[in-house]
Amino acid sequence: MMKMKWITEKTGKNSGKNRGILGAAGRSLKVFLAAGVLGIFLSGTAFAASGEDAYRMAEGTENYADVYDMADLFTDEEEQQLSGQAQTLSEKMKMEAVIVTTEENSDSAQVFADGFYTEGGFGTGSDHSGILFLIDMDNRELYISTTGQMIRYMTDSRIEDVLDDVYGYASDADYYGAASAFLADTETCYANGISKDQYNYEWYEILFAIGIAAVCGGAAVASVLRSYSLHGEDKRMAANFKLSYRRDSRFTMGNILADALLTSYITQQVIASQKNNHPGAGGGSFSGGGRSSTHSYGGNSHGGGGRKF
C-alpha cells in the first residue's frame, strides 16, 4: 500500500510538471505572435518616416519631370532625354514611370524606393499605378518598385530580366545607359501584356503562412515536451546509467581520412561572367509570367526587386 501511494504521488507531480511545460509553451507562442504583430506595426511606422525623409531629400533636384538625380549621375542633357523618354512611356501605359538616384540612404533600397514613390504622390488612378527605378549609390543597389496595375505587368520573372539588362550598364558606371535601358525594357514588358498565368503573391499571404508555421512549430515542440515528460524517472535513470557506462567509449578514425585524402586533389577554375552592352539584349524575353511578389508600405501593396552592383 505504501508503494502504491508513492507511485500515485509521483504520477501527480509529473502530471503537474507536464501541464506546467505545456502552459509555458503556449504562453511563449502567444508572446511570439504578439511580438510579430507589434513588430509589423512599428516597422510600418518607421518605413513611413523613411519615405518622408527620402522624398524631402529630393526637393530642388527635379530639373525635368519624373527624373530625380540626387546623386548627380546624369548630365543636364541626359536628364532631359530621360525625362522625355519617361513621359512618353507614362502616356503610353497610362501609368507613371519615375527615375531616382541617391548617394545617401540609411535604410534599404526597397524602403527608399517604396517610400519615395508613396510620399511623392506618384502614380495614376485610385491604385497609384506606376513604376520607379532607383540607383542607390549608398547601398550599391539597383531597385525596381511597382504599384497598382504595374505589379501585374512586372512579374518577378520580368523584373529579373530587366535587372539582368541594366546591371551591365551600372557595373560599368554607365548610369544613364542603365536608366534608359530600364525605360526601354519596361515598355517592352508593357507591350507584352499581362501574362495569362500571372498572379499576385500578396504580403498578407506570406504573414499568414508564417503564422501557420509558428503554430505548427509550437505544436510540435509541445508534443516533444509532452512525450519527454511522460517518461518515468526510472527510465531516465536507466538511460543515464547506460550513458555513464559508455562515457569512456570513443571512435577513432585513425589514418582512414588521411589515406583517402592522399588520392584526392582539388582544382579551381574561374568562369568569366558575361556583361550586357545593349538594351534588351540580356537574354531575357521580358514575357515571363507567373508570380508577382508583393509587400506592404504605407498601407499599399508594392511589387519589385533589386540587385547589388
Protein backbone atom coordinates (compact mmCIF):
# COMPACT_ATOMS: atom_id res chain seq x y z
CA MET A 1 0.00 0.00 0.00
CA MET A 2 2.85 2.39 0.78
CA LYS A 3 4.40 1.66 -2.61
CA MET A 4 1.10 2.35 -4.44
CA LYS A 5 0.77 5.69 -2.66
CA TRP A 6 4.32 6.69 -3.60
CA ILE A 7 3.62 5.90 -7.28
CA THR A 8 0.38 7.91 -7.20
CA GLU A 9 2.08 10.93 -5.66
CA LYS A 10 4.90 10.72 -8.19
CA THR A 11 2.45 10.48 -11.11
CA GLY A 12 0.58 13.51 -9.83
CA LYS A 13 3.81 15.51 -9.68
CA ASN A 14 4.73 14.51 -13.25
CA SER A 15 1.26 15.49 -14.50
CA GLY A 16 1.57 18.87 -12.83
CA LYS A 17 5.03 19.31 -14.32
CA ASN A 18 3.69 18.30 -17.75
CA ARG A 19 0.89 20.86 -17.54
CA GLY A 20 3.41 23.48 -16.49
CA ILE A 21 5.64 22.75 -19.50
CA LEU A 22 2.72 22.83 -21.96
CA GLY A 23 1.39 26.01 -20.38
CA ALA A 24 4.79 27.65 -20.73
CA ALA A 25 4.98 26.56 -24.38
CA GLY A 26 1.54 28.03 -25.03
CA ARG A 27 2.45 31.32 -23.36
CA SER A 28 5.68 31.51 -25.35
CA LEU A 29 3.79 31.00 -28.61
CA LYS A 30 1.32 33.78 -27.73
CA VAL A 31 4.18 36.13 -26.87
CA PHE A 32 5.90 35.27 -30.18
CA LEU A 33 2.78 36.04 -32.23
CA ALA A 34 2.07 39.26 -30.32
CA ALA A 35 5.66 40.40 -30.81
CA GLY A 36 5.36 39.69 -34.55
CA VAL A 37 2.21 41.82 -34.88
CA LEU A 38 3.80 44.65 -32.88
CA GLY A 39 6.96 44.43 -34.97
CA ILE A 40 4.96 44.74 -38.20
CA PHE A 41 3.14 47.81 -36.85
CA LEU A 42 6.33 49.52 -35.69
CA SER A 43 8.18 48.71 -38.90
CA GLY A 44 5.36 50.25 -40.92
CA THR A 45 5.65 53.44 -38.88
CA ALA A 46 9.42 53.52 -39.33
CA PHE A 47 9.08 52.91 -43.09
CA ALA A 48 6.68 55.84 -43.40
CA ALA A 49 9.21 58.12 -41.70
CA SER A 50 11.95 56.87 -44.02
CA GLY A 51 9.76 57.56 -47.05
CA GLU A 52 9.12 61.13 -45.99
CA ASP A 53 12.85 61.69 -45.48
CA ALA A 54 13.63 60.18 -48.88
CA TYR A 55 11.25 62.46 -50.75
CA ARG A 56 12.28 65.53 -48.73
CA MET A 57 15.86 64.96 -49.89
CA ALA A 58 14.69 65.32 -53.50
CA GLU A 59 13.41 68.86 -53.14
CA GLY A 60 15.01 71.08 -55.75
CA THR A 61 16.61 68.18 -57.67
CA GLU A 62 13.86 67.70 -60.26
CA ASN A 63 15.05 69.82 -63.16
CA TYR A 64 12.97 67.69 -65.54
CA ALA A 65 9.73 65.81 -64.90
CA ASP A 66 9.97 62.33 -63.37
CA VAL A 67 13.78 62.40 -63.01
CA TYR A 68 15.29 62.98 -59.54
CA ASP A 69 19.06 62.85 -59.82
CA MET A 70 20.10 63.40 -56.20
CA ALA A 71 23.40 61.55 -56.74
CA ASP A 72 24.25 63.81 -59.71
CA LEU A 73 24.90 60.85 -62.02
CA PHE A 74 23.44 62.41 -65.18
CA THR A 75 24.41 65.41 -67.24
CA ASP A 76 21.77 68.04 -67.87
CA GLU A 77 21.27 66.73 -71.39
CA GLU A 78 20.91 63.15 -70.15
CA GLU A 79 18.30 64.22 -67.59
CA GLN A 80 16.33 65.95 -70.32
CA GLN A 81 16.44 62.87 -72.55
CA LEU A 82 15.41 60.53 -69.72
CA SER A 83 12.57 62.85 -68.76
CA GLY A 84 11.23 62.84 -72.31
CA GLN A 85 11.55 59.05 -72.51
CA ALA A 86 9.80 58.60 -69.13
CA GLN A 87 6.92 60.94 -70.00
CA THR A 88 6.36 59.27 -73.37
CA LEU A 89 6.26 55.87 -71.63
CA SER A 90 3.89 57.15 -68.93
CA GLU A 91 1.48 58.49 -71.51
CA LYS A 92 1.58 55.20 -73.44
CA MET A 93 1.00 53.00 -70.38
CA LYS A 94 -1.37 55.40 -68.57
CA MET A 95 0.88 54.63 -65.58
CA GLU A 96 3.72 56.77 -64.23
CA ALA A 97 7.42 55.96 -64.68
CA VAL A 98 9.97 57.63 -62.37
CA ILE A 99 13.79 57.64 -62.26
CA VAL A 100 15.56 58.32 -58.93
CA THR A 101 19.23 58.32 -57.87
CA THR A 102 20.62 58.81 -54.38
CA GLU A 103 24.03 58.78 -52.69
CA GLU A 104 22.62 58.86 -49.15
CA ASN A 105 20.36 56.13 -47.82
CA SER A 106 20.32 54.98 -44.20
CA ASP A 107 17.73 52.31 -44.99
CA SER A 108 17.29 49.57 -47.57
CA ALA A 109 16.85 50.32 -51.27
CA GLN A 110 13.36 48.80 -51.11
CA VAL A 111 12.22 51.11 -48.30
CA PHE A 112 13.72 54.14 -50.01
CA ALA A 113 12.09 53.37 -53.38
CA ASP A 114 8.66 52.49 -51.98
CA GLY A 115 8.73 55.46 -49.62
CA PHE A 116 9.81 57.91 -52.30
CA TYR A 117 7.04 56.76 -54.62
CA THR A 118 4.35 56.83 -51.92
CA GLU A 119 5.30 60.13 -50.28
CA GLY A 120 5.82 61.79 -53.66
CA GLY A 121 2.23 61.00 -54.61
CA PHE A 122 3.23 59.33 -57.87
CA GLY A 123 1.05 57.01 -59.93
CA THR A 124 -2.26 57.14 -61.76
CA GLY A 125 -5.75 56.09 -60.72
CA SER A 126 -7.01 55.10 -57.31
CA ASP A 127 -4.36 52.38 -57.02
CA HIS A 128 -1.49 54.76 -57.92
CA SER A 129 -0.31 52.55 -60.77
CA GLY A 130 3.28 53.08 -61.83
CA ILE A 131 6.92 52.07 -61.60
CA LEU A 132 10.08 53.57 -60.11
CA PHE A 133 13.72 52.79 -60.87
CA LEU A 134 16.23 53.60 -58.12
CA ILE A 135 20.01 53.74 -58.44
CA ASP A 136 21.18 53.59 -54.82
CA MET A 137 24.86 54.56 -54.70
CA ASP A 138 24.99 54.24 -50.91
CA ASN A 139 23.95 50.57 -50.89
CA ARG A 140 25.28 49.97 -54.42
CA GLU A 141 21.94 48.54 -55.45
CA LEU A 142 19.53 48.83 -58.35
CA TYR A 143 15.89 48.58 -57.29
CA ILE A 144 12.58 48.47 -59.18
CA SER A 145 9.40 49.34 -57.27
CA THR A 146 5.95 48.68 -58.78
CA THR A 147 2.47 49.73 -57.65
CA GLY A 148 -1.09 49.11 -58.76
CA GLN A 149 -1.62 47.55 -62.19
CA MET A 150 2.12 47.72 -62.86
CA ILE A 151 2.56 44.84 -60.37
CA ARG A 152 0.68 42.59 -62.80
CA TYR A 153 2.75 43.62 -65.81
CA MET A 154 6.07 43.33 -63.97
CA THR A 155 6.16 39.77 -62.65
CA ASP A 156 9.14 38.52 -60.65
CA SER A 157 10.49 36.90 -63.81
CA ARG A 158 10.26 40.08 -65.88
CA ILE A 159 11.87 42.17 -63.14
CA GLU A 160 14.80 39.76 -63.10
CA ASP A 161 15.11 40.09 -66.89
CA VAL A 162 15.18 43.89 -66.63
CA LEU A 163 17.76 43.76 -63.82
CA ASP A 164 19.89 41.43 -65.94
CA ASP A 165 19.90 44.07 -68.64
CA VAL A 166 20.52 47.23 -66.59
CA TYR A 167 23.14 45.57 -64.37
CA GLY A 168 25.73 45.57 -67.16
CA TYR A 169 25.47 49.34 -67.56
CA ALA A 170 25.57 50.10 -63.85
CA SER A 171 28.57 47.85 -63.24
CA ASP A 172 30.41 49.83 -65.95
CA ALA A 173 29.34 53.13 -64.31
CA ASP A 174 27.09 53.94 -67.29
CA TYR A 175 24.15 55.10 -65.19
CA TYR A 176 22.42 56.93 -68.00
CA GLY A 177 22.56 53.74 -70.05
CA ALA A 178 21.07 51.79 -67.12
CA ALA A 179 18.16 54.23 -66.70
CA SER A 180 17.49 54.41 -70.44
CA ALA A 181 17.57 50.59 -70.72
CA PHE A 182 15.15 50.33 -67.80
CA LEU A 183 12.61 52.55 -69.55
CA ALA A 184 13.01 50.66 -72.84
CA ASP A 185 12.65 47.28 -71.13
CA THR A 186 9.60 48.44 -69.16
CA GLU A 187 7.97 49.50 -72.42
CA THR A 188 8.64 46.01 -73.82
CA CYS A 189 7.11 44.36 -70.75
CA TYR A 190 4.03 46.56 -71.09
CA ALA A 191 3.74 45.77 -74.80
CA ASN A 192 3.88 42.04 -73.99
CA GLY A 193 0.79 42.49 -71.81
CA ILE A 194 -0.23 40.70 -68.63
CA SER A 195 0.66 37.03 -68.83
CA LYS A 196 -2.25 34.57 -68.64
CA ASP A 197 -0.64 32.71 -65.73
CA GLN A 198 0.22 35.86 -63.74
CA TYR A 199 -0.87 36.00 -60.10
CA ASN A 200 -0.09 38.21 -57.12
CA TYR A 201 1.55 36.64 -54.09
CA GLU A 202 0.26 39.12 -51.53
CA TRP A 203 2.25 40.14 -48.47
CA TYR A 204 -0.55 39.13 -46.07
CA GLU A 205 -0.48 35.60 -47.53
CA ILE A 206 3.19 35.43 -46.53
CA LEU A 207 2.35 36.60 -42.98
CA PHE A 208 -0.45 34.00 -42.79
CA ALA A 209 1.96 31.27 -43.89
CA ILE A 210 4.46 32.38 -41.22
CA GLY A 211 1.70 32.30 -38.59
CA ILE A 212 0.64 28.78 -39.59
CA ALA A 213 4.28 27.66 -39.49
CA ALA A 214 4.67 29.16 -36.00
CA VAL A 215 1.55 27.37 -34.73
CA CYS A 216 2.65 24.05 -36.24
CA GLY A 217 6.14 24.50 -34.82
CA GLY A 218 4.72 25.28 -31.38
CA ALA A 219 2.51 22.20 -31.53
CA ALA A 220 5.49 20.05 -32.49
CA VAL A 221 7.57 21.43 -29.61
CA ALA A 222 4.69 20.86 -27.18
CA SER A 223 4.33 17.27 -28.45
CA VAL A 224 8.02 16.59 -27.90
CA LEU A 225 7.92 18.09 -24.42
CA ARG A 226 4.84 16.03 -23.58
CA SER A 227 6.47 12.85 -24.82
CA TYR A 228 9.62 13.57 -22.88
CA SER A 229 7.81 14.39 -19.66
CA LEU A 230 5.77 11.13 -19.80
CA HIS A 231 8.91 9.04 -19.40
CA GLY A 232 9.21 7.91 -15.82
CA GLU A 233 12.12 8.74 -13.58
CA ASP A 234 13.15 5.06 -13.66
CA LYS A 235 13.59 5.11 -17.44
CA ARG A 236 15.67 8.28 -17.29
CA MET A 237 17.85 6.75 -14.56
CA ALA A 238 18.36 3.63 -16.71
CA ALA A 239 19.35 5.77 -19.69
CA ASN A 240 21.76 7.78 -17.55
CA PHE A 241 23.32 4.54 -16.28
CA LYS A 242 23.94 3.36 -19.84
CA LEU A 243 25.48 6.69 -20.79
CA SER A 244 27.68 6.59 -17.70
CA TYR A 245 28.80 3.07 -18.61
CA ARG A 246 29.85 4.21 -22.05
CA ARG A 247 31.29 7.60 -21.13
CA ASP A 248 34.86 6.46 -21.83
CA SER A 249 34.00 4.93 -25.20
CA ARG A 250 35.33 6.62 -28.28
CA PHE A 251 35.68 6.12 -32.02
CA THR A 252 38.95 6.88 -33.74
CA MET A 253 39.21 7.39 -37.49
CA GLY A 254 42.90 6.55 -37.43
CA ASN A 255 44.53 7.14 -40.77
CA ILE A 256 41.44 6.36 -42.87
CA LEU A 257 40.75 10.04 -43.65
CA ALA A 258 44.39 10.78 -44.31
CA ASP A 259 44.63 7.78 -46.64
CA ALA A 260 41.55 8.94 -48.53
CA LEU A 261 42.92 12.47 -48.98
CA LEU A 262 46.21 11.18 -50.35
CA THR A 263 44.48 10.07 -53.54
CA SER A 264 42.30 13.18 -53.99
CA TYR A 265 43.01 16.63 -55.34
CA ILE A 266 41.13 19.91 -55.89
CA THR A 267 41.15 22.09 -58.98
CA GLN A 268 39.85 25.65 -59.36
CA GLN A 269 38.69 27.40 -62.50
CA VAL A 270 37.47 30.98 -62.93
CA ILE A 271 34.34 31.28 -65.06
CA ALA A 272 34.16 34.69 -66.69
CA SER A 273 30.83 36.49 -66.40
CA GLN A 274 29.11 37.96 -69.42
CA LYS A 275 28.04 41.59 -69.36
CA ASN A 276 25.25 43.26 -71.27
CA ASN A 277 26.12 46.11 -73.55
CA HIS A 278 22.84 46.64 -75.39
CA PRO A 279 19.32 47.38 -74.12
CA GLY A 280 17.03 44.38 -74.33
CA ALA A 281 19.90 42.02 -75.12
CA GLY A 282 20.16 40.46 -71.69
CA GLY A 283 18.92 37.08 -72.82
CA GLY A 284 15.55 37.67 -71.16
CA SER A 285 12.36 37.68 -73.23
CA PHE A 286 10.56 40.13 -70.90
CA SER A 287 7.47 37.94 -71.39
CA GLY A 288 7.71 35.74 -68.29
CA GLY A 289 4.51 35.29 -66.29
CA GLY A 290 3.81 33.59 -63.01
CA ARG A 291 4.21 35.17 -59.62
CA SER A 292 4.31 38.86 -58.74
CA SER A 293 5.53 39.02 -55.14
CA THR A 294 4.23 41.94 -53.11
CA HIS A 295 4.87 43.61 -49.77
CA SER A 296 3.19 46.42 -47.86
CA TYR A 297 4.29 50.03 -47.49
CA GLY A 298 2.10 52.79 -46.11
CA GLY A 299 -0.99 50.60 -46.39
CA ASN A 300 -0.41 49.94 -50.11
CA SER A 301 0.88 46.86 -51.91
CA HIS A 302 4.16 47.17 -53.79
CA GLY A 303 5.99 44.73 -56.00
CA GLY A 304 9.58 44.91 -57.09
CA GLY A 305 13.07 43.56 -56.79
CA GLY A 306 16.69 44.67 -56.60
CA ARG A 307 20.26 43.70 -57.32
CA LYS A 308 23.64 44.77 -55.97
CA PHE A 309 26.19 46.10 -58.43
